[in-house]
Each structure stands twice: as structure tokens, then as C-alpha cells.
Amino acid sequence: MEPSPGPHPETRNGPRGALIGATGLVGRQLLQALLADPRLGELATIARRPIENQEHPAWTQMMIEDFGQISSLKLPPDLDFAISCLGSTLKQAGSRENFRRIDFDYNLAFAKLARASGVKHYILLSAAGVSADSRIFYNKVKGELEDAVAALDFPALTIVRPGLLMGERTENRPMEKLFIRVTNWLTGVVGSSRLKAFATPVPELVTCLKANAFANVDHDVHIINPSEI
């Protein structure tokens, strides 16, 4: 199946951008926040299936069945920003091979597409504690992705590293839910500022991502750690 660009958005003033991963925990809330902001000029989302119950004059949905073909898409040229909220877990992916395909291969393919399309500011949603040298597979893959995206030499690159995401998920994660309950209790005891290094509420993360998308950046590479979100 050929990639589908969807309808063309209306011409509007304001920041123009692209978003991949708009159906996940963070991405779907970020999509809502971007579309609700009157400053938005144009937004293209890349997904496997249509995002229903959404209409906006500045929004184009680009559908592609196989994310392995991301490089065949054509983004609008010279966008102000592109954001990747694409990601999985080992449990969701089912194997290390599938996890790496989603979190590294697909992400890097989108970053390369954005770079070739002239994106000015690339924003990568990563995770706290990642490193290409890590012995933990998840952290290692995320760290390798950060390094690979940085090597593309975007005019501006922002890497956002949240702690454990605190929000309503569709899948069942018993241990994570237990951690969130404990974190919520500790927040009331010691205050939220002391726990920022470990857990990040999704609404706060979305606010951070949107603020960076609309910001006039003057940096090459900027890393935002949990305490700064």
C-alpha cells in the first residue's frame, strides 16, 4: 500500500511541524495540545491508521501501513519542528528484535526523513538514564538512538528525557501502577519537586514538548532531564 498524505491543510501563519507517535500515551495528548493552540500553522501526523474524531484546518494525516517504509513519505518542506513520540516497551514489542526495530530503526528513519525535508528543530522523546554504553537493553537502544539522531546534525535538536510516565495507559502494567501509587503517596509527603527525577506526569511532559515546539531555539543540542520538565 502506498503512503497516503491525506487532505492538504489550510494555509495559516504560525509554526509548522510534524509528529510521529500520535496514538500513544504522550503523543495523543500532545496532538490535542498542539491542535488546541491558535498559534499552530500546520501539522502533519504519521500513523498506521486514521486518528478518528479529530478535525482541524491545519492538520494533515499521513497514513502508512508499514513503518519500514517511512523513508518513502514526503513531509512538507522546511518545517519548523518535528517531534517523535514513537516508542514501545519490551513487553509490547514481544522481543528485543522487535523493540529495536520500533524504537531505533523506525525512529531513526523518521529523523532522517525530517532532516532531508529541511526540518529546523527536531524534538526526540527519550527516557531518563539512557546511554549507548548501558548494560540495560532498553537504555542502551534509547542511548544509541540519541547518538544516531544527534549525528544527523539538525540545526537544533532537543532531547527530552522524562522519568517514569504517570498517566492512564490502555495496557495493564501491574508493577508500574504500584510504583505510581507509591509515587503519588510520596508526593504528598515530600513534595513533587523531590520526585521529579523518578516520575514525570504526562501533562507536564506534554507542556514541555509543546513549549519546545513553539520556541525560538538558539541551541545545537539541548537535553532536558526529568527535573527540568
Protein backbone atom coordinates (compact mmCIF):
# COMPACT_ATOMS: atom_id res chain seq x y z
CA MET A 1 0.00 0.00 0.00
CA GLU A 2 1.31 3.43 -0.95
CA PRO A 3 1.66 6.04 1.81
CA SER A 4 -1.39 8.29 2.00
CA PRO A 5 -0.80 12.00 2.57
CA GLY A 6 -4.40 12.83 3.47
CA PRO A 7 -6.05 16.18 2.73
CA HIS A 8 -3.98 19.33 2.45
CA PRO A 9 -4.31 21.74 5.38
CA GLU A 10 -5.35 25.33 5.04
CA THR A 11 -2.56 27.87 4.69
CA ARG A 12 -2.06 29.53 8.08
CA ASN A 13 0.59 31.61 9.76
CA GLY A 14 2.44 30.14 12.73
CA PRO A 15 4.83 27.26 13.46
CA ARG A 16 4.66 24.31 11.07
CA GLY A 17 5.52 20.83 12.24
CA ALA A 18 5.24 17.05 12.08
CA LEU A 19 4.50 14.45 14.74
CA ILE A 20 5.01 10.69 14.79
CA GLY A 21 3.67 8.53 17.61
CA ALA A 22 0.43 10.49 17.94
CA THR A 23 -1.59 7.48 19.12
CA GLY A 24 0.49 6.64 22.20
CA LEU A 25 0.18 7.79 25.80
CA VAL A 26 2.14 11.01 25.27
CA GLY A 27 1.56 11.53 21.56
CA ARG A 28 -2.22 11.57 21.68
CA GLN A 29 -2.24 14.21 24.43
CA LEU A 30 0.42 16.22 22.63
CA LEU A 31 -1.65 16.12 19.45
CA GLN A 32 -4.64 17.54 21.32
CA ALA A 33 -2.48 20.27 22.85
CA LEU A 34 -0.94 21.28 19.52
CA LEU A 35 -4.28 21.40 17.71
CA ALA A 36 -5.81 23.45 20.53
CA ASP A 37 -3.12 26.12 20.28
CA PRO A 38 -4.15 29.00 17.98
CA ARG A 39 -0.50 29.63 17.10
CA LEU A 40 -0.25 26.37 15.14
CA GLY A 41 0.27 26.97 11.45
CA GLU A 42 0.42 23.43 10.07
CA LEU A 43 0.77 19.91 11.49
CA ALA A 44 1.35 16.60 9.75
CA THR A 45 0.97 13.36 11.72
CA ILE A 46 2.32 9.99 10.64
CA ALA A 47 0.40 6.89 11.74
CA ARG A 48 -0.64 3.43 10.59
CA ARG A 49 -4.34 4.19 10.86
CA PRO A 50 -6.55 7.28 10.78
CA ILE A 51 -6.95 9.18 14.04
CA GLU A 52 -10.71 9.50 14.31
CA ASN A 53 -12.97 12.13 15.87
CA GLN A 54 -10.44 14.84 15.06
CA GLU A 55 -10.72 17.72 12.62
CA HIS A 56 -8.57 20.79 12.27
CA PRO A 57 -7.93 23.09 9.30
CA ALA A 58 -4.15 22.97 9.83
CA TRP A 59 -3.87 19.19 10.25
CA THR A 60 -2.84 16.59 7.68
CA GLN A 61 -2.92 12.88 8.48
CA MET A 62 -0.29 10.83 6.66
CA MET A 63 -1.03 7.09 6.81
CA ILE A 64 1.48 4.34 6.16
CA GLU A 65 0.80 0.66 6.90
CA ASP A 66 4.45 -0.34 7.23
CA PHE A 67 6.70 1.94 9.26
CA GLY A 68 9.58 0.23 7.50
CA GLN A 69 8.62 2.43 4.54
CA ILE A 70 8.81 5.74 6.41
CA SER A 71 11.58 6.90 4.09
CA SER A 72 9.11 6.83 1.18
CA LEU A 73 6.95 9.54 2.74
CA LYS A 74 7.22 13.18 1.75
CA LEU A 75 6.92 15.68 4.57
CA PRO A 76 6.02 19.30 3.85
CA PRO A 77 9.32 21.10 3.21
CA ASP A 78 11.18 23.29 5.69
CA LEU A 79 9.02 22.59 8.74
CA ASP A 80 9.82 24.50 11.92
CA PHE A 81 9.72 21.38 14.09
CA ALA A 82 9.30 17.62 14.05
CA ILE A 83 8.54 15.59 17.17
CA SER A 84 8.96 11.87 17.72
CA CYS A 85 6.87 10.30 20.48
CA LEU A 86 7.27 6.90 18.85
CA GLY A 87 8.26 4.19 21.27
CA SER A 88 7.42 0.81 22.73
CA THR A 89 8.32 -1.50 25.60
CA LEU A 90 9.86 -4.94 25.54
CA LYS A 91 6.52 -6.36 26.65
CA GLN A 92 4.60 -4.59 23.89
CA ALA A 93 7.17 -5.40 21.21
CA GLY A 94 7.35 -9.06 22.18
CA SER A 95 11.07 -9.45 21.57
CA ARG A 96 14.31 -7.49 21.67
CA GLU A 97 14.46 -7.58 17.89
CA ASN A 98 11.02 -6.02 17.51
CA PHE A 99 11.74 -3.46 20.22
CA ARG A 100 14.89 -2.33 18.46
CA ARG A 101 13.05 -2.16 15.14
CA ILE A 102 10.43 0.18 16.61
CA ASP A 103 12.50 2.28 18.97
CA PHE A 104 15.66 2.55 16.90
CA ASP A 105 15.05 1.73 13.23
CA TYR A 106 11.68 3.44 12.78
CA ASN A 107 12.69 6.41 14.89
CA LEU A 108 15.93 6.93 13.01
CA ALA A 109 14.14 6.59 9.66
CA PHE A 110 11.74 9.37 10.67
CA ALA A 111 14.60 11.55 11.87
CA LYS A 112 16.41 11.07 8.56
CA LEU A 113 13.22 11.94 6.68
CA ALA A 114 12.83 15.09 8.78
CA ARG A 115 16.45 16.09 8.18
CA ALA A 116 16.16 15.56 4.42
CA SER A 117 12.94 17.62 4.40
CA GLY A 118 14.65 20.62 5.97
CA VAL A 119 13.19 20.45 9.49
CA LYS A 120 14.74 23.21 11.59
CA HIS A 121 14.18 21.80 15.10
CA TYR A 122 13.94 18.10 15.90
CA ILE A 123 12.47 17.03 19.25
CA LEU A 124 13.08 13.47 20.41
CA LEU A 125 11.17 11.94 23.31
CA SER A 126 13.68 9.65 25.02
CA ALA A 127 13.94 8.46 28.63
CA ALA A 128 15.90 9.14 31.80
CA GLY A 129 19.12 7.25 32.36
CA VAL A 130 19.71 6.16 28.77
CA SER A 131 23.18 5.59 27.37
CA ALA A 132 24.66 3.73 24.43
CA ASP A 133 27.08 2.19 26.94
CA SER A 134 24.35 0.89 29.26
CA ARG A 135 24.15 -2.80 30.07
CA ILE A 136 20.37 -2.49 30.24
CA PHE A 137 18.99 -3.28 26.78
CA TYR A 138 16.19 -0.68 26.87
CA ASN A 139 18.53 2.10 27.99
CA LYS A 140 21.21 1.05 25.51
CA VAL A 141 18.86 1.17 22.50
CA LYS A 142 17.48 4.56 23.55
CA GLY A 143 21.01 5.86 24.05
CA GLU A 144 22.12 4.60 20.65
CA LEU A 145 19.12 6.35 19.10
CA GLU A 146 20.03 9.65 20.76
CA ASP A 147 23.56 9.38 19.37
CA ALA A 148 22.36 8.47 15.88
CA VAL A 149 19.88 11.37 15.74
CA ALA A 150 22.50 13.80 17.05
CA ALA A 151 24.83 12.66 14.25
CA LEU A 152 22.28 13.88 11.68
CA ASP A 153 23.30 17.42 12.63
CA PHE A 154 19.92 19.15 12.78
CA PRO A 155 20.09 22.95 13.06
CA ALA A 156 18.56 22.41 16.51
CA LEU A 157 17.96 19.18 18.43
CA THR A 158 16.11 18.83 21.73
CA ILE A 159 16.18 15.51 23.57
CA VAL A 160 13.58 15.19 26.32
CA ARG A 161 14.30 12.56 28.99
CA PRO A 162 11.32 12.04 31.31
CA GLY A 163 11.19 9.71 34.29
CA LEU A 164 8.54 7.01 34.61
CA LEU A 165 5.46 8.36 32.85
CA MET A 166 2.49 8.92 35.13
CA GLY A 167 -0.72 8.69 33.11
CA GLU A 168 -3.59 6.44 32.11
CA ARG A 169 -2.40 3.64 29.85
CA THR A 170 -4.51 1.26 27.81
CA GLU A 171 -2.34 -1.77 28.60
CA ASN A 172 -2.04 -3.42 32.00
CA ARG A 173 1.26 -2.84 33.85
CA PRO A 174 0.78 -4.01 37.48
CA MET A 175 4.26 -3.12 38.78
CA GLU A 176 4.18 0.29 37.12
CA LYS A 177 0.75 1.01 38.60
CA LEU A 178 2.08 0.07 42.04
CA PHE A 179 5.06 2.40 41.57
CA ILE A 180 2.73 5.23 40.55
CA ARG A 181 0.58 4.71 43.66
CA VAL A 182 3.67 4.84 45.86
CA THR A 183 4.92 7.91 43.99
CA ASN A 184 1.60 9.69 44.44
CA TRP A 185 1.75 8.96 48.17
CA LEU A 186 5.35 10.18 48.44
CA THR A 187 4.44 13.35 46.54
CA GLY A 188 2.07 14.27 49.32
CA VAL A 189 4.77 13.58 51.91
CA VAL A 190 7.94 15.11 50.46
CA GLY A 191 6.59 17.28 47.63
CA SER A 192 6.60 16.84 43.87
CA SER A 193 9.88 18.66 43.23
CA ARG A 194 11.92 15.96 45.00
CA LEU A 195 10.35 13.19 42.94
CA LYS A 196 10.84 14.76 39.53
CA ALA A 197 13.96 12.71 38.91
CA PHE A 198 11.95 9.48 39.11
CA ALA A 199 8.47 10.15 37.75
CA THR A 200 7.01 12.58 35.21
CA PRO A 201 3.28 13.36 34.94
CA VAL A 202 2.26 13.14 31.28
CA PRO A 203 0.51 16.56 31.26
CA GLU A 204 3.75 18.22 32.39
CA LEU A 205 5.70 16.36 29.71
CA VAL A 206 3.20 17.42 27.05
CA THR A 207 3.51 21.05 28.15
CA CYS A 208 7.29 20.77 27.87
CA LEU A 209 7.17 19.24 24.39
CA LYS A 210 4.72 21.81 23.07
CA ALA A 211 6.68 24.71 24.54
CA ASN A 212 9.81 23.50 22.79
CA ALA A 213 7.95 23.01 19.51
CA PHE A 214 6.82 26.64 19.52
CA ALA A 215 10.05 28.09 20.93
CA ASN A 216 12.58 30.15 19.01
CA VAL A 217 15.58 27.94 19.66
CA ASP A 218 19.18 29.09 19.51
CA HIS A 219 20.94 25.87 20.51
CA ASP A 220 22.54 22.99 18.62
CA VAL A 221 21.75 20.14 21.02
CA HIS A 222 19.80 20.55 24.25
CA ILE A 223 18.98 17.75 26.68
CA ILE A 224 16.06 18.18 29.09
CA ASN A 225 16.28 15.92 32.13
CA PRO A 226 13.35 14.95 34.41
CA SER A 227 13.96 17.72 36.95
CA GLU A 228 13.68 20.31 34.16
CA ILE A 229 10.34 19.12 32.79
